[in-house]
Amino acid sequence: MEYFSVIKNMYFYFGEIMKKIITLMFFFVIGFVFFSCATKPDYIGKMIEKESLGKDTVILGILMAPRILQIFPLIDAGIYNSSIKNAEAELTEVENRKLQTVNKEFSERYSGVFNANVVTSNYNIKQDEIRINYFAEASQSTKGQLITLCEENRADIIVTIVGQVECTGVGIFGIKGANRMNIYICIFDNKGKVLAQSKLNTQRRISMAKDATVYGLLFEDGLTSLIRFIQELAS
């Protein structure tokens, strides 16, 4: 009887292990399918008012809102987020370098598309105050600052852009995650009136948290979305 009891206990023990393995495989497959299906760009455009934008224009340097991280699954997300924290210095360096490139190229493309005289400027704001819809839901105070920038630069139009990297999902054991760039572009006239705005979501890219190369590609994807937006606005 003792022999059969040992066999029974072993069977129960290995059965529990198999259940856990099957559960892990199930979530791995679900995660794989999720990441595989989430690679197409998501474009949400809303034209408030179409006017000629071929005027003297101020383009503000892109503001970056704090990165959105996942909290579930708790352990996997925790591992992934910790890896991002450890690679923060390298990722920040890539981000700053890419922002310079995006700001320059977007200004040049905007000028070419609308045949506009463009000057670039910066908007002073504390980092912890930046949010993705900061200009989309601009207060009267914020609009007042934009009007002042137009007056200082003798401009008719001012273009504002806020970006935000979002982690949309984390794979098993937190080894890889899916990230995309969210962008909110708002175009105002020199009276603070919104002429056009759009929220752009780029394609998702899957990588390890410390992969600075893929992180940099998110900014290039953002530039592509911005150029596509102004081309559609001009058409």
C-alpha atoms as a PDB file:
ATOM      1  CA  MET A   1       0.000   0.000   0.000  1.00  0.00           C
ATOM      2  CA  GLU A   2       2.868   2.334   0.804  1.00  0.00           C
ATOM      3  CA  TYR A   3       4.345   1.688  -2.663  1.00  0.00           C
ATOM      4  CA  PHE A   4       1.093   2.695  -4.395  1.00  0.00           C
ATOM      5  CA  SER A   5       0.845   5.761  -2.161  1.00  0.00           C
ATOM      6  CA  VAL A   6       4.308   6.901  -3.303  1.00  0.00           C
ATOM      7  CA  ILE A   7       3.337   6.322  -6.944  1.00  0.00           C
ATOM      8  CA  LYS A   8       0.127   8.276  -6.446  1.00  0.00           C
ATOM      9  CA  ASN A   9       1.968  11.186  -4.860  1.00  0.00           C
ATOM     10  CA  MET A  10       4.539  11.235  -7.653  1.00  0.00           C
ATOM     11  CA  TYR A  11       1.766  11.178 -10.248  1.00  0.00           C
ATOM     12  CA  PHE A  12       0.045  14.110  -8.533  1.00  0.00           C
ATOM     13  CA  TYR A  13       3.339  16.041  -8.241  1.00  0.00           C
ATOM     14  CA  PHE A  14       4.300  15.624 -11.905  1.00  0.00           C
ATOM     15  CA  GLY A  15       0.724  16.324 -12.930  1.00  0.00           C
ATOM     16  CA  GLU A  16       0.865  19.712 -11.210  1.00  0.00           C
ATOM     17  CA  ILE A  17       4.161  20.503 -12.942  1.00  0.00           C
ATOM     18  CA  MET A  18       2.677  19.606 -16.328  1.00  0.00           C
ATOM     19  CA  LYS A  19      -0.290  21.868 -15.658  1.00  0.00           C
ATOM     20  CA  LYS A  20       2.035  24.779 -14.952  1.00  0.00           C
ATOM     21  CA  ILE A  21       4.067  24.071 -18.083  1.00  0.00           C
ATOM     22  CA  ILE A  22       0.918  23.923 -20.222  1.00  0.00           C
ATOM     23  CA  THR A  23      -0.329  27.187 -18.689  1.00  0.00           C
ATOM     24  CA  LEU A  24       2.976  28.917 -19.426  1.00  0.00           C
ATOM     25  CA  MET A  25       2.925  27.621 -23.004  1.00  0.00           C
ATOM     26  CA  PHE A  26      -0.645  28.881 -23.414  1.00  0.00           C
ATOM     27  CA  PHE A  27       0.292  32.429 -22.341  1.00  0.00           C
ATOM     28  CA  PHE A  28       3.413  32.290 -24.493  1.00  0.00           C
ATOM     29  CA  VAL A  29       1.334  31.420 -27.567  1.00  0.00           C
ATOM     30  CA  ILE A  30      -1.206  34.142 -26.754  1.00  0.00           C
ATOM     31  CA  GLY A  31       1.589  36.667 -26.330  1.00  0.00           C
ATOM     32  CA  PHE A  32       3.221  35.583 -29.579  1.00  0.00           C
ATOM     33  CA  VAL A  33      -0.038  35.943 -31.468  1.00  0.00           C
ATOM     34  CA  PHE A  34      -0.633  39.341 -29.885  1.00  0.00           C
ATOM     35  CA  PHE A  35       2.775  40.656 -30.828  1.00  0.00           C
ATOM     36  CA  SER A  36       2.610  39.149 -34.314  1.00  0.00           C
ATOM     37  CA  CYS A  37      -0.732  40.740 -35.092  1.00  0.00           C
ATOM     38  CA  ALA A  38       0.209  44.132 -33.696  1.00  0.00           C
ATOM     39  CA  THR A  39       2.644  45.322 -36.353  1.00  0.00           C
ATOM     40  CA  LYS A  40       0.510  47.512 -38.611  1.00  0.00           C
ATOM     41  CA  PRO A  41       0.606  51.286 -38.123  1.00  0.00           C
ATOM     42  CA  ASP A  42      -2.432  52.772 -36.440  1.00  0.00           C
ATOM     43  CA  TYR A  43      -3.364  56.164 -37.890  1.00  0.00           C
ATOM     44  CA  ILE A  44      -6.003  58.358 -36.318  1.00  0.00           C
ATOM     45  CA  GLY A  45      -6.403  61.659 -38.115  1.00  0.00           C
ATOM     46  CA  LYS A  46      -8.789  64.496 -37.459  1.00  0.00           C
ATOM     47  CA  MET A  47      -8.743  67.614 -39.585  1.00  0.00           C
ATOM     48  CA  ILE A  48     -10.298  70.448 -37.590  1.00  0.00           C
ATOM     49  CA  GLU A  49     -10.054  73.043 -40.323  1.00  0.00           C
ATOM     50  CA  LYS A  50      -8.199  73.042 -43.622  1.00  0.00           C
ATOM     51  CA  GLU A  51      -6.479  76.331 -44.416  1.00  0.00           C
ATOM     52  CA  SER A  52      -3.440  77.340 -46.363  1.00  0.00           C
ATOM     53  CA  LEU A  53      -0.406  76.630 -44.183  1.00  0.00           C
ATOM     54  CA  GLY A  54       2.094  78.151 -46.580  1.00  0.00           C
ATOM     55  CA  LYS A  55       2.878  81.003 -44.201  1.00  0.00           C
ATOM     56  CA  ASP A  56       5.594  82.027 -41.767  1.00  0.00           C
ATOM     57  CA  THR A  57       5.663  79.165 -39.280  1.00  0.00           C
ATOM     58  CA  VAL A  58       7.201  78.383 -35.910  1.00  0.00           C
ATOM     59  CA  ILE A  59       7.841  74.699 -35.250  1.00  0.00           C
ATOM     60  CA  LEU A  60       8.476  73.839 -31.622  1.00  0.00           C
ATOM     61  CA  GLY A  61      10.954  71.125 -30.729  1.00  0.00           C
ATOM     62  CA  ILE A  62       9.264  67.841 -29.875  1.00  0.00           C
ATOM     63  CA  LEU A  63       8.377  67.404 -26.213  1.00  0.00           C
ATOM     64  CA  MET A  64       8.549  63.888 -24.777  1.00  0.00           C
ATOM     65  CA  ALA A  65       5.980  62.796 -22.203  1.00  0.00           C
ATOM     66  CA  PRO A  66       7.031  60.147 -19.642  1.00  0.00           C
ATOM     67  CA  ARG A  67       7.215  56.628 -21.040  1.00  0.00           C
ATOM     68  CA  ILE A  68       4.203  54.380 -20.456  1.00  0.00           C
ATOM     69  CA  LEU A  69       5.152  51.023 -18.928  1.00  0.00           C
ATOM     70  CA  GLN A  70       3.139  47.865 -18.364  1.00  0.00           C
ATOM     71  CA  ILE A  71       2.369  46.601 -14.857  1.00  0.00           C
ATOM     72  CA  PHE A  72       0.908  43.222 -15.848  1.00  0.00           C
ATOM     73  CA  PRO A  73       1.860  40.425 -15.758  1.00  0.00           C
ATOM     74  CA  LEU A  74       3.409  41.577 -12.497  1.00  0.00           C
ATOM     75  CA  ILE A  75       6.615  39.521 -12.541  1.00  0.00           C
ATOM     76  CA  ASP A  76       7.273  39.728 -16.290  1.00  0.00           C
ATOM     77  CA  ALA A  77       6.528  43.454 -16.440  1.00  0.00           C
ATOM     78  CA  GLY A  78       8.663  44.060 -13.352  1.00  0.00           C
ATOM     79  CA  ILE A  79      11.655  42.364 -14.960  1.00  0.00           C
ATOM     80  CA  TYR A  80      11.202  44.274 -18.212  1.00  0.00           C
ATOM     81  CA  ASN A  81      10.760  47.635 -16.480  1.00  0.00           C
ATOM     82  CA  SER A  82      13.833  47.011 -14.355  1.00  0.00           C
ATOM     83  CA  SER A  83      15.860  46.335 -17.512  1.00  0.00           C
ATOM     84  CA  ILE A  84      14.665  49.650 -18.969  1.00  0.00           C
ATOM     85  CA  LYS A  85      15.769  51.428 -15.799  1.00  0.00           C
ATOM     86  CA  ASN A  86      19.215  49.831 -15.988  1.00  0.00           C
ATOM     87  CA  ALA A  87      19.613  50.954 -19.616  1.00  0.00           C
ATOM     88  CA  GLU A  88      18.224  54.441 -18.991  1.00  0.00           C
ATOM     89  CA  ALA A  89      21.457  56.318 -19.693  1.00  0.00           C
ATOM     90  CA  GLU A  90      22.011  54.693 -23.081  1.00  0.00           C
ATOM     91  CA  LEU A  91      18.349  54.995 -24.091  1.00  0.00           C
ATOM     92  CA  THR A  92      18.283  58.672 -23.113  1.00  0.00           C
ATOM     93  CA  GLU A  93      21.363  59.344 -25.215  1.00  0.00           C
ATOM     94  CA  VAL A  94      19.724  57.698 -28.232  1.00  0.00           C
ATOM     95  CA  GLU A  95      16.483  59.608 -27.597  1.00  0.00           C
ATOM     96  CA  ASN A  96      18.222  62.994 -27.514  1.00  0.00           C
ATOM     97  CA  ARG A  97      20.168  62.250 -30.679  1.00  0.00           C
ATOM     98  CA  LYS A  98      17.107  61.018 -32.550  1.00  0.00           C
ATOM     99  CA  LEU A  99      15.009  64.010 -31.454  1.00  0.00           C
ATOM    100  CA  GLN A 100      17.556  66.369 -32.981  1.00  0.00           C
ATOM    101  CA  THR A 101      17.332  64.479 -36.266  1.00  0.00           C
ATOM    102  CA  VAL A 102      13.532  64.303 -36.247  1.00  0.00           C
ATOM    103  CA  ASN A 103      13.164  68.011 -35.420  1.00  0.00           C
ATOM    104  CA  LYS A 104      15.498  68.990 -38.249  1.00  0.00           C
ATOM    105  CA  GLU A 105      14.027  66.673 -40.886  1.00  0.00           C
ATOM    106  CA  PHE A 106      10.415  67.420 -40.009  1.00  0.00           C
ATOM    107  CA  SER A 107      11.013  71.179 -40.219  1.00  0.00           C
ATOM    108  CA  GLU A 108      12.612  70.769 -43.625  1.00  0.00           C
ATOM    109  CA  ARG A 109       9.809  68.561 -44.912  1.00  0.00           C
ATOM    110  CA  TYR A 110       7.119  70.874 -43.532  1.00  0.00           C
ATOM    111  CA  SER A 111       8.752  73.833 -45.253  1.00  0.00           C
ATOM    112  CA  GLY A 112       8.893  71.899 -48.520  1.00  0.00           C
ATOM    113  CA  VAL A 113       5.320  70.576 -48.388  1.00  0.00           C
ATOM    114  CA  PHE A 114       3.705  73.933 -47.591  1.00  0.00           C
ATOM    115  CA  ASN A 115       6.345  76.201 -49.165  1.00  0.00           C
ATOM    116  CA  ALA A 116       6.512  77.967 -45.809  1.00  0.00           C
ATOM    117  CA  ASN A 117       9.213  80.016 -44.137  1.00  0.00           C
ATOM    118  CA  VAL A 118      10.018  77.997 -41.012  1.00  0.00           C
ATOM    119  CA  VAL A 119      11.841  78.890 -37.825  1.00  0.00           C
ATOM    120  CA  THR A 120      12.372  76.461 -34.958  1.00  0.00           C
ATOM    121  CA  SER A 121      11.971  77.266 -31.306  1.00  0.00           C
ATOM    122  CA  ASN A 122      11.579  75.575 -27.929  1.00  0.00           C
ATOM    123  CA  TYR A 123       8.768  75.542 -25.402  1.00  0.00           C
ATOM    124  CA  ASN A 124       9.868  75.825 -21.781  1.00  0.00           C
ATOM    125  CA  ILE A 125       8.089  73.358 -19.537  1.00  0.00           C
ATOM    126  CA  LYS A 126       9.012  71.129 -16.614  1.00  0.00           C
ATOM    127  CA  GLN A 127       9.486  67.506 -17.610  1.00  0.00           C
ATOM    128  CA  ASP A 128       6.944  66.211 -15.109  1.00  0.00           C
ATOM    129  CA  GLU A 129       4.260  68.518 -16.558  1.00  0.00           C
ATOM    130  CA  ILE A 130       4.425  67.106 -20.061  1.00  0.00           C
ATOM    131  CA  ARG A 131       1.587  64.860 -21.173  1.00  0.00           C
ATOM    132  CA  ILE A 132       0.651  63.563 -24.603  1.00  0.00           C
ATOM    133  CA  ASN A 133      -2.383  65.860 -24.970  1.00  0.00           C
ATOM    134  CA  TYR A 134      -0.711  68.924 -23.422  1.00  0.00           C
ATOM    135  CA  PHE A 135      -1.316  71.135 -26.461  1.00  0.00           C
ATOM    136  CA  ALA A 136      -4.447  69.326 -27.640  1.00  0.00           C
ATOM    137  CA  GLU A 137      -6.121  70.419 -24.407  1.00  0.00           C
ATOM    138  CA  ALA A 138      -4.215  73.669 -24.102  1.00  0.00           C
ATOM    139  CA  SER A 139      -5.273  76.063 -21.358  1.00  0.00           C
ATOM    140  CA  GLN A 140      -5.684  79.779 -22.043  1.00  0.00           C
ATOM    141  CA  SER A 141      -2.317  80.300 -20.377  1.00  0.00           C
ATOM    142  CA  THR A 142      -0.641  77.821 -22.724  1.00  0.00           C
ATOM    143  CA  LYS A 143      -2.311  79.376 -25.762  1.00  0.00           C
ATOM    144  CA  GLY A 144      -1.101  82.754 -24.544  1.00  0.00           C
ATOM    145  CA  GLN A 145       2.480  81.467 -24.569  1.00  0.00           C
ATOM    146  CA  LEU A 146       2.030  80.124 -28.104  1.00  0.00           C
ATOM    147  CA  ILE A 147       0.655  83.496 -29.250  1.00  0.00           C
ATOM    148  CA  THR A 148       3.694  85.206 -27.707  1.00  0.00           C
ATOM    149  CA  LEU A 149       6.045  82.863 -29.569  1.00  0.00           C
ATOM    150  CA  CYS A 150       4.270  83.714 -32.821  1.00  0.00           C
ATOM    151  CA  GLU A 151       4.609  87.437 -32.100  1.00  0.00           C
ATOM    152  CA  GLU A 152       8.301  87.126 -31.229  1.00  0.00           C
ATOM    153  CA  ASN A 153       8.975  85.296 -34.487  1.00  0.00           C
ATOM    154  CA  ARG A 154       6.470  87.267 -36.593  1.00  0.00           C
ATOM    155  CA  ALA A 155       4.801  83.999 -37.507  1.00  0.00           C
ATOM    156  CA  ASP A 156       1.264  83.173 -38.651  1.00  0.00           C
ATOM    157  CA  ILE A 157       1.347  79.490 -37.680  1.00  0.00           C
ATOM    158  CA  ILE A 158       2.834  77.490 -34.807  1.00  0.00           C
ATOM    159  CA  VAL A 159       3.254  73.709 -34.832  1.00  0.00           C
ATOM    160  CA  THR A 160       3.422  71.730 -31.582  1.00  0.00           C
ATOM    161  CA  ILE A 161       4.360  68.082 -31.215  1.00  0.00           C
ATOM    162  CA  VAL A 162       4.367  65.821 -28.151  1.00  0.00           C
ATOM    163  CA  GLY A 163       5.706  62.270 -28.306  1.00  0.00           C
ATOM    164  CA  GLN A 164       5.449  59.358 -25.893  1.00  0.00           C
ATOM    165  CA  VAL A 165       6.911  55.871 -26.014  1.00  0.00           C
ATOM    166  CA  GLU A 166       4.369  53.289 -24.886  1.00  0.00           C
ATOM    167  CA  CYS A 167       5.001  49.680 -23.955  1.00  0.00           C
ATOM    168  CA  THR A 168       1.886  47.858 -25.160  1.00  0.00           C
ATOM    169  CA  GLY A 169       2.782  44.389 -23.906  1.00  0.00           C
ATOM    170  CA  VAL A 170       5.494  42.281 -22.260  1.00  0.00           C
ATOM    171  CA  GLY A 171       6.473  38.750 -23.241  1.00  0.00           C
ATOM    172  CA  ILE A 172       7.079  35.782 -20.969  1.00  0.00           C
ATOM    173  CA  PHE A 173       9.782  36.238 -18.306  1.00  0.00           C
ATOM    174  CA  GLY A 174      10.046  39.911 -19.313  1.00  0.00           C
ATOM    175  CA  ILE A 175      12.662  39.120 -21.951  1.00  0.00           C
ATOM    176  CA  LYS A 176      11.030  41.210 -24.669  1.00  0.00           C
ATOM    177  CA  GLY A 177       8.314  43.805 -24.961  1.00  0.00           C
ATOM    178  CA  ALA A 178       6.320  45.570 -27.663  1.00  0.00           C
ATOM    179  CA  ASN A 179       6.675  49.342 -27.884  1.00  0.00           C
ATOM    180  CA  ARG A 180       5.352  52.079 -30.135  1.00  0.00           C
ATOM    181  CA  MET A 181       5.600  55.845 -30.450  1.00  0.00           C
ATOM    182  CA  ASN A 182       2.471  57.889 -29.780  1.00  0.00           C
ATOM    183  CA  ILE A 183       2.469  61.427 -31.175  1.00  0.00           C
ATOM    184  CA  TYR A 184       0.052  64.324 -30.841  1.00  0.00           C
ATOM    185  CA  ILE A 185       0.557  67.129 -33.345  1.00  0.00           C
ATOM    186  CA  CYS A 186      -1.443  70.353 -33.087  1.00  0.00           C
ATOM    187  CA  ILE A 187      -1.233  73.307 -35.450  1.00  0.00           C
ATOM    188  CA  PHE A 188      -2.389  76.722 -34.217  1.00  0.00           C
ATOM    189  CA  ASP A 189      -2.712  80.121 -35.841  1.00  0.00           C
ATOM    190  CA  ASN A 190      -1.192  83.223 -34.230  1.00  0.00           C
ATOM    191  CA  LYS A 191      -4.424  83.854 -32.307  1.00  0.00           C
ATOM    192  CA  GLY A 192      -4.334  80.477 -30.554  1.00  0.00           C
ATOM    193  CA  LYS A 193      -6.978  78.876 -32.761  1.00  0.00           C
ATOM    194  CA  VAL A 194      -6.526  75.178 -33.609  1.00  0.00           C
ATOM    195  CA  LEU A 195      -6.288  74.663 -37.362  1.00  0.00           C
ATOM    196  CA  ALA A 196      -5.499  70.952 -37.397  1.00  0.00           C
ATOM    197  CA  GLN A 197      -4.548  68.177 -35.023  1.00  0.00           C
ATOM    198  CA  SER A 198      -3.936  64.467 -35.093  1.00  0.00           C
ATOM    199  CA  LYS A 199      -2.945  61.634 -32.799  1.00  0.00           C
ATOM    200  CA  LEU A 200      -0.523  59.261 -34.484  1.00  0.00           C
ATOM    201  CA  ASN A 201       0.369  55.777 -33.258  1.00  0.00           C
ATOM    202  CA  THR A 202       3.273  54.049 -34.982  1.00  0.00           C
ATOM    203  CA  GLN A 203       3.753  50.354 -35.591  1.00  0.00           C
ATOM    204  CA  ARG A 204       4.778  48.243 -32.608  1.00  0.00           C
ATOM    205  CA  ARG A 205       8.326  46.978 -32.423  1.00  0.00           C
ATOM    206  CA  ILE A 206       9.350  43.991 -30.319  1.00  0.00           C
ATOM    207  CA  SER A 207      12.731  44.015 -28.624  1.00  0.00           C
ATOM    208  CA  MET A 208      14.645  43.561 -25.421  1.00  0.00           C
ATOM    209  CA  ALA A 209      14.345  46.489 -23.026  1.00  0.00           C
ATOM    210  CA  LYS A 210      17.985  47.542 -23.439  1.00  0.00           C
ATOM    211  CA  ASP A 211      17.962  47.378 -27.262  1.00  0.00           C
ATOM    212  CA  ALA A 212      18.885  50.993 -28.048  1.00  0.00           C
ATOM    213  CA  THR A 213      18.829  50.374 -31.804  1.00  0.00           C
ATOM    214  CA  VAL A 214      15.167  49.378 -31.855  1.00  0.00           C
ATOM    215  CA  TYR A 215      14.376  52.167 -29.396  1.00  0.00           C
ATOM    216  CA  GLY A 216      15.859  54.613 -31.876  1.00  0.00           C
ATOM    217  CA  LEU A 217      13.726  53.179 -34.670  1.00  0.00           C
ATOM    218  CA  LEU A 218      10.607  54.254 -32.779  1.00  0.00           C
ATOM    219  CA  PHE A 219      11.617  57.885 -33.346  1.00  0.00           C
ATOM    220  CA  GLU A 220      12.179  57.225 -37.038  1.00  0.00           C
ATOM    221  CA  ASP A 221       8.718  55.668 -37.189  1.00  0.00           C
ATOM    222  CA  GLY A 222       7.364  58.799 -35.538  1.00  0.00           C
ATOM    223  CA  LEU A 223       8.997  60.993 -38.181  1.00  0.00           C
ATOM    224  CA  THR A 224       7.420  58.887 -40.932  1.00  0.00           C
ATOM    225  CA  SER A 225       3.981  59.314 -39.348  1.00  0.00           C
ATOM    226  CA  LEU A 226       4.449  63.080 -39.012  1.00  0.00           C
ATOM    227  CA  ILE A 227       5.480  63.450 -42.642  1.00  0.00           C
ATOM    228  CA  ARG A 228       2.517  61.364 -43.755  1.00  0.00           C
ATOM    229  CA  PHE A 229       0.202  63.576 -41.731  1.00  0.00           C
ATOM    230  CA  ILE A 230       1.355  66.854 -43.277  1.00  0.00           C
ATOM    231  CA  GLN A 231       1.264  65.306 -46.748  1.00  0.00           C
ATOM    232  CA  GLU A 232      -2.360  64.277 -46.215  1.00  0.00           C
ATOM    233  CA  LEU A 233      -3.135  67.688 -44.768  1.00  0.00           C
ATOM    234  CA  ALA A 234      -1.716  69.333 -47.875  1.00  0.00           C
ATOM    235  CA  SER A 235      -3.514  67.034 -50.342  1.00  0.00           C
END
